Amino acid sequence: MNALKEFISSFLLIISWFIFAISAYLLYWAIIMPMLGAIPFLISLVIGLLCFYCSRKLDAKKKDN
């Protein structure tokens, strides 16, 4: 069970950094075309932060055990 938590934590961390990269790319387009890029940028940023938070939360639980 502990290995599953480690896998999920690592997976969420990798996904969060991938989503951050996508949001940075979308930020570039949001500067050029604000109305077309702002909403997807905000959505991907929120999803990335959520994945990052969940990864850290699972990491903290792993260290407590």
Protein backbone atom coordinates (compact mmCIF):
# COMPACT_ATOMS: atom_id res chain seq x y z
CA MET A 1 0.00 0.00 0.00
CA ASN A 2 2.91 2.33 0.77
CA ALA A 3 4.36 1.76 -2.71
CA LEU A 4 1.03 2.75 -4.23
CA LYS A 5 1.06 6.03 -2.28
CA GLU A 6 4.61 6.72 -3.44
CA PHE A 7 3.65 5.98 -7.04
CA ILE A 8 0.58 8.21 -6.90
CA SER A 9 2.56 10.99 -5.24
CA SER A 10 5.29 10.83 -7.88
CA PHE A 11 2.77 10.58 -10.69
CA LEU A 12 0.87 13.63 -9.45
CA LEU A 13 4.11 15.58 -9.08
CA ILE A 14 5.14 14.79 -12.67
CA ILE A 15 1.66 15.63 -13.95
CA SER A 16 1.64 18.91 -12.03
CA TRP A 17 4.96 20.00 -13.57
CA PHE A 18 3.69 18.99 -17.00
CA ILE A 19 0.54 21.03 -16.47
CA PHE A 20 2.64 23.97 -15.23
CA ALA A 21 4.59 23.79 -18.49
CA ILE A 22 1.34 23.83 -20.44
CA SER A 23 0.08 26.79 -18.41
CA ALA A 24 3.34 28.68 -19.11
CA TYR A 25 2.84 28.02 -22.82
CA LEU A 26 -0.75 29.19 -22.55
CA LEU A 27 0.40 32.30 -20.65
CA TYR A 28 2.53 33.16 -23.68
CA TRP A 29 -0.58 32.96 -25.83
CA ALA A 30 -2.60 34.82 -23.22
CA ILE A 31 -0.23 37.76 -23.57
CA ILE A 32 -0.62 37.73 -27.36
CA MET A 33 -4.32 36.80 -27.51
CA PRO A 34 -5.83 37.45 -24.06
CA MET A 35 -9.39 36.33 -24.69
CA LEU A 36 -8.43 33.05 -26.36
CA GLY A 37 -5.77 31.98 -23.86
CA ALA A 38 -6.90 33.28 -20.45
CA ILE A 39 -9.55 30.68 -19.64
CA PRO A 40 -7.51 27.57 -20.62
CA PHE A 41 -4.51 29.09 -18.78
CA LEU A 42 -6.49 29.52 -15.58
CA ILE A 43 -8.02 26.06 -15.84
CA SER A 44 -4.65 24.37 -16.39
CA LEU A 45 -3.07 26.44 -13.61
CA VAL A 46 -5.75 25.40 -11.12
CA ILE A 47 -5.50 21.73 -12.14
CA GLY A 48 -1.70 21.87 -11.87
CA LEU A 49 -1.84 23.43 -8.42
CA LEU A 50 -4.39 20.84 -7.32
CA CYS A 51 -2.19 17.96 -8.49
CA PHE A 52 0.84 19.56 -6.83
CA TYR A 53 -1.08 20.00 -3.57
CA CYS A 54 -2.35 16.40 -3.63
CA SER A 55 1.19 15.14 -4.31
CA ARG A 56 2.58 17.07 -1.34
CA LYS A 57 -0.28 15.93 0.88
CA LEU A 58 0.36 12.28 0.00
CA ASP A 59 4.09 12.86 0.55
CA ALA A 60 3.42 14.27 4.03
CA LYS A 61 1.24 11.29 4.92
CA LYS A 62 4.00 8.94 3.76
CA LYS A 63 6.54 10.63 6.02
CA ASP A 64 4.18 10.42 9.01
CA ASN A 65 3.96 6.62 8.76
